[in-house]
Amino acid sequence: MRAGSERRAVVLLSGGLDSATVLAMALDAGVTVCALSFRYGQKHAHELTSARRVAARAGVTDHVIVDIDLAAFGGSALTDPDLEVPHGRAEDEMAAGIPITYVPARNTIFLSYALALAEVRGANELHIGVNAIDYSGYPDCRPAFVEAFERLANLATRAGVEGAGLQVVAPLLHLTKADIVRQGLALGVDYGLTHSCYDPADDGAACGTCDACQLRLAGFAAAGAVDPAPYRGR
């Protein structure tokens, strides 16, 4: 981190468990935060309501929501109406290959927007909640991706060429989901405001059986805590 200078960051805030934890960690470290969320054509757009609630609860007033249309490309069960979100997959299935819920290049696109916003806001850090352990097979959640994007950021921007440079901060990268839950609870994160489900009901209640729900519920259970988010039938 940059000692002797103010830390300013753009924090990617989806409204899910991981991003809410990253936001809390940044604020706890005294970082000045601009939160960035996306309406990208996701079928589970209820997460944006959660992102607003999480930001408001954390006292973040600089919260930017950007509209982009990744649904125009398709190729993911999260954006393509003709593709179904898988349910009830076993842990070994989730760990085998890249799932249909992967949105092509999503984190690359999100970080690129964050990079542009950081230059405008004078931020020197980009914070993202990617996780290489409970990551469900996504290629853009790996350490190599984070390192590569940081190199790109410092090659492609004014801040990288003429300024102090930019850093991609991924504090959850090597944590288990249980570790993340414990960290967030210790920081007072209200996980009842967050939303992780890929296939929620119309009222936002989580399905409990998609990959994201299963990983989340397992994380709470391993942490010895109860997930306060609403689930169907609970």
Protein backbone atom coordinates (compact mmCIF):
# COMPACT_ATOMS: atom_id res chain seq x y z
CA MET A 1 0.00 0.00 0.00
CA ARG A 2 1.06 3.61 -0.43
CA ALA A 3 2.38 4.88 2.89
CA GLY A 4 2.22 8.61 3.45
CA SER A 5 -0.53 9.24 0.91
CA GLU A 6 -4.30 9.09 1.03
CA ARG A 7 -5.71 5.82 -0.16
CA ARG A 8 -8.57 6.27 -2.60
CA ALA A 9 -10.27 3.33 -4.26
CA VAL A 10 -12.99 2.32 -6.66
CA VAL A 11 -14.66 -0.71 -5.08
CA LEU A 12 -16.65 -3.04 -7.33
CA LEU A 13 -19.91 -3.60 -5.49
CA SER A 14 -22.25 -6.24 -6.91
CA GLY A 15 -24.41 -6.40 -3.79
CA GLY A 16 -23.24 -9.92 -2.98
CA LEU A 17 -21.52 -11.34 0.06
CA ASP A 18 -17.97 -11.00 -1.26
CA SER A 19 -18.20 -7.44 -2.53
CA ALA A 20 -19.95 -6.26 0.65
CA THR A 21 -17.06 -7.72 2.65
CA VAL A 22 -14.48 -6.03 0.42
CA LEU A 23 -16.26 -2.71 0.88
CA ALA A 24 -16.25 -3.12 4.67
CA MET A 25 -12.56 -4.02 4.65
CA ALA A 26 -11.68 -0.95 2.58
CA LEU A 27 -13.63 1.37 4.85
CA ASP A 28 -12.14 -0.24 7.95
CA ALA A 29 -8.68 0.47 6.53
CA GLY A 30 -9.55 4.15 6.14
CA VAL A 31 -9.78 4.10 2.37
CA THR A 32 -11.85 6.80 0.66
CA VAL A 33 -14.30 4.80 -1.45
CA CYS A 34 -16.24 5.22 -4.66
CA ALA A 35 -18.49 2.19 -5.14
CA LEU A 36 -19.20 0.98 -8.68
CA SER A 37 -22.05 -1.34 -9.69
CA PHE A 38 -23.38 -2.50 -13.04
CA ARG A 39 -26.73 -3.14 -14.63
CA TYR A 40 -25.35 -5.39 -17.33
CA GLY A 41 -28.38 -7.34 -18.48
CA GLN A 42 -28.20 -9.86 -15.64
CA LYS A 43 -31.38 -11.81 -14.99
CA HIS A 44 -30.71 -11.58 -11.25
CA ALA A 45 -30.78 -7.76 -11.28
CA HIS A 46 -32.19 -7.77 -7.74
CA GLU A 47 -28.54 -7.63 -6.69
CA LEU A 48 -28.51 -3.93 -7.59
CA THR A 49 -31.11 -3.24 -4.91
CA SER A 50 -28.77 -4.98 -2.50
CA ALA A 51 -25.79 -2.96 -3.75
CA ARG A 52 -27.65 0.27 -3.04
CA ARG A 53 -28.62 -0.93 0.44
CA VAL A 54 -25.10 -2.10 1.27
CA ALA A 55 -23.58 1.20 0.12
CA ALA A 56 -26.14 3.22 2.06
CA ARG A 57 -25.65 1.15 5.22
CA ALA A 58 -21.89 1.65 4.93
CA GLY A 59 -22.30 5.40 4.51
CA VAL A 60 -20.88 5.43 0.98
CA THR A 61 -22.43 8.37 -0.86
CA ASP A 62 -20.29 8.12 -4.00
CA HIS A 63 -21.96 5.14 -5.65
CA VAL A 64 -22.00 4.92 -9.44
CA ILE A 65 -24.27 2.48 -11.30
CA VAL A 66 -23.38 1.96 -14.95
CA ASP A 67 -25.59 0.47 -17.66
CA ILE A 68 -23.92 -1.90 -20.11
CA ASP A 69 -25.48 -4.68 -22.17
CA LEU A 70 -23.61 -7.95 -21.87
CA ALA A 71 -26.90 -9.71 -22.62
CA ALA A 72 -26.39 -8.63 -26.23
CA PHE A 73 -23.57 -11.19 -26.43
CA GLY A 74 -25.32 -14.01 -24.60
CA GLY A 75 -23.27 -17.06 -23.77
CA SER A 76 -24.12 -17.13 -20.07
CA ALA A 77 -27.06 -18.40 -18.05
CA LEU A 78 -26.93 -15.13 -16.12
CA THR A 79 -27.73 -13.03 -19.19
CA ASP A 80 -29.20 -15.31 -21.86
CA PRO A 81 -32.94 -16.08 -21.46
CA ASP A 82 -32.49 -19.30 -23.42
CA LEU A 83 -29.95 -20.73 -20.96
CA GLU A 84 -30.97 -22.11 -17.58
CA VAL A 85 -29.10 -21.63 -14.32
CA PRO A 86 -27.99 -25.07 -13.05
CA HIS A 87 -29.26 -26.23 -9.66
CA GLY A 88 -28.17 -28.84 -7.15
CA ARG A 89 -24.71 -29.43 -8.53
CA ALA A 90 -22.31 -31.39 -6.36
CA GLU A 91 -19.08 -29.80 -5.18
CA ASP A 92 -16.96 -31.83 -7.61
CA GLU A 93 -19.20 -30.71 -10.49
CA MET A 94 -18.73 -27.06 -9.51
CA ALA A 95 -14.97 -27.54 -9.45
CA ALA A 96 -14.86 -29.20 -12.88
CA GLY A 97 -14.55 -26.78 -15.78
CA ILE A 98 -16.02 -23.36 -16.46
CA PRO A 99 -19.76 -23.26 -15.68
CA ILE A 100 -22.55 -21.90 -17.87
CA THR A 101 -23.00 -19.06 -15.34
CA TYR A 102 -19.63 -17.61 -16.36
CA VAL A 103 -20.24 -14.26 -18.10
CA PRO A 104 -17.61 -13.88 -20.83
CA ALA A 105 -14.93 -11.35 -19.82
CA ARG A 106 -17.16 -9.83 -17.11
CA ASN A 107 -14.46 -9.03 -14.58
CA THR A 108 -12.18 -7.69 -17.29
CA ILE A 109 -14.96 -5.36 -18.43
CA PHE A 110 -15.89 -4.33 -14.88
CA LEU A 111 -12.29 -3.59 -13.94
CA SER A 112 -11.83 -1.59 -17.14
CA TYR A 113 -14.75 0.65 -16.17
CA ALA A 114 -13.36 0.87 -12.64
CA LEU A 115 -10.01 1.86 -14.09
CA ALA A 116 -11.54 4.73 -16.06
CA LEU A 117 -13.52 5.89 -13.03
CA ALA A 118 -10.42 5.71 -10.85
CA GLU A 119 -8.59 8.09 -13.15
CA VAL A 120 -11.44 10.57 -12.97
CA ARG A 121 -11.80 10.23 -9.18
CA GLY A 122 -8.06 10.35 -8.56
CA ALA A 123 -8.16 6.86 -7.02
CA ASN A 124 -5.01 4.76 -6.88
CA GLU A 125 -6.62 1.40 -6.10
CA LEU A 126 -9.24 -0.89 -7.61
CA HIS A 127 -10.85 -3.29 -5.12
CA ILE A 128 -12.53 -6.47 -6.32
CA GLY A 129 -13.98 -9.46 -4.43
CA VAL A 130 -12.61 -12.27 -6.58
CA ASN A 131 -11.78 -15.51 -4.79
CA ALA A 132 -9.50 -18.28 -6.03
CA ILE A 133 -10.66 -20.96 -3.59
CA ASP A 134 -14.48 -20.99 -3.66
CA TYR A 135 -14.56 -19.57 -7.16
CA SER A 136 -16.76 -22.05 -9.01
CA GLY A 137 -14.40 -22.36 -11.97
CA TYR A 138 -14.35 -18.76 -13.19
CA PRO A 139 -11.09 -17.97 -15.03
CA ASP A 140 -11.26 -14.26 -14.13
CA CYS A 141 -11.11 -14.96 -10.37
CA ARG A 142 -7.53 -16.26 -10.32
CA PRO A 143 -4.35 -14.58 -9.02
CA ALA A 144 -2.84 -14.60 -12.52
CA PHE A 145 -5.78 -12.54 -13.80
CA VAL A 146 -5.49 -9.97 -11.00
CA GLU A 147 -1.74 -9.62 -11.56
CA ALA A 148 -2.14 -9.30 -15.32
CA PHE A 149 -4.83 -6.64 -15.05
CA GLU A 150 -2.70 -4.60 -12.65
CA ARG A 151 0.13 -4.65 -15.19
CA LEU A 152 -2.29 -3.55 -17.90
CA ALA A 153 -3.65 -0.76 -15.68
CA ASN A 154 -0.20 0.67 -15.20
CA LEU A 155 0.60 0.51 -18.90
CA ALA A 156 -2.65 1.95 -20.22
CA THR A 157 -3.41 4.96 -18.00
CA ARG A 158 -2.14 8.42 -17.19
CA ALA A 159 -1.89 7.41 -13.54
CA GLY A 160 0.31 4.48 -14.49
CA VAL A 161 2.57 6.41 -16.86
CA GLU A 162 2.81 9.81 -15.17
CA GLY A 163 1.47 9.22 -11.64
CA ALA A 164 2.11 6.96 -8.69
CA GLY A 165 0.56 3.97 -10.40
CA LEU A 166 -2.51 1.84 -9.73
CA GLN A 167 -3.01 -1.27 -7.64
CA VAL A 168 -5.64 -4.00 -7.97
CA VAL A 169 -6.57 -5.05 -4.43
CA ALA A 170 -8.20 -8.47 -4.07
CA PRO A 171 -8.27 -9.11 -0.30
CA LEU A 172 -10.43 -12.25 -0.55
CA LEU A 173 -8.29 -13.96 -3.15
CA HIS A 174 -6.94 -16.71 -0.89
CA LEU A 175 -9.74 -16.91 1.70
CA THR A 176 -12.35 -19.63 2.01
CA LYS A 177 -16.00 -18.60 1.99
CA ALA A 178 -16.10 -19.30 5.73
CA ASP A 179 -13.11 -16.99 6.26
CA ILE A 180 -14.88 -14.29 4.28
CA VAL A 181 -18.04 -14.63 6.35
CA ARG A 182 -16.06 -14.45 9.60
CA GLN A 183 -14.20 -11.37 8.38
CA GLY A 184 -17.40 -9.62 7.37
CA LEU A 185 -19.21 -10.44 10.59
CA ALA A 186 -16.25 -9.11 12.59
CA LEU A 187 -16.57 -5.85 10.65
CA GLY A 188 -20.31 -5.64 11.21
CA VAL A 189 -21.46 -6.43 7.68
CA ASP A 190 -25.22 -6.98 7.54
CA TYR A 191 -25.36 -9.96 5.22
CA GLY A 192 -29.15 -9.79 5.32
CA LEU A 193 -28.81 -6.86 2.90
CA THR A 194 -26.73 -8.82 0.41
CA HIS A 195 -27.81 -10.93 -2.53
CA SER A 196 -25.81 -13.76 -4.13
CA CYS A 197 -28.40 -15.95 -5.85
CA TYR A 198 -28.24 -16.55 -9.61
CA ASP A 199 -31.91 -17.53 -9.89
CA PRO A 200 -33.96 -15.62 -7.30
CA ALA A 201 -37.73 -15.44 -6.99
CA ASP A 202 -39.49 -12.28 -8.16
CA ASP A 203 -39.35 -10.91 -4.62
CA GLY A 204 -35.60 -11.49 -4.46
CA ALA A 205 -35.69 -14.58 -2.25
CA ALA A 206 -32.70 -16.83 -3.00
CA CYS A 207 -33.22 -20.28 -4.49
CA GLY A 208 -30.75 -22.03 -2.20
CA THR A 209 -29.67 -24.53 -4.87
CA CYS A 210 -27.68 -22.65 -7.53
CA ASP A 211 -23.87 -22.74 -7.27
CA ALA A 212 -23.69 -19.28 -5.66
CA CYS A 213 -26.29 -20.15 -3.02
CA GLN A 214 -24.66 -23.47 -2.21
CA LEU A 215 -21.22 -21.93 -1.77
CA ARG A 216 -22.68 -19.15 0.34
CA LEU A 217 -24.69 -21.44 2.61
CA ALA A 218 -21.72 -23.78 3.03
CA GLY A 219 -19.57 -20.79 3.99
CA PHE A 220 -21.98 -19.66 6.68
CA ALA A 221 -22.29 -23.20 8.00
CA ALA A 222 -18.51 -23.64 8.16
CA ALA A 223 -18.23 -20.28 9.93
CA GLY A 224 -20.77 -21.43 12.52
CA ALA A 225 -23.21 -18.70 11.51
CA VAL A 226 -26.72 -18.50 10.02
CA ASP A 227 -27.20 -16.76 6.69
CA PRO A 228 -29.74 -13.97 7.32
CA ALA A 229 -30.64 -13.52 3.64
CA PRO A 230 -34.15 -14.55 2.57
CA TYR A 231 -34.48 -17.96 0.91
CA ARG A 232 -37.51 -19.57 -0.70
CA GLY A 233 -39.43 -21.64 1.79
CA ARG A 234 -37.48 -20.39 4.77
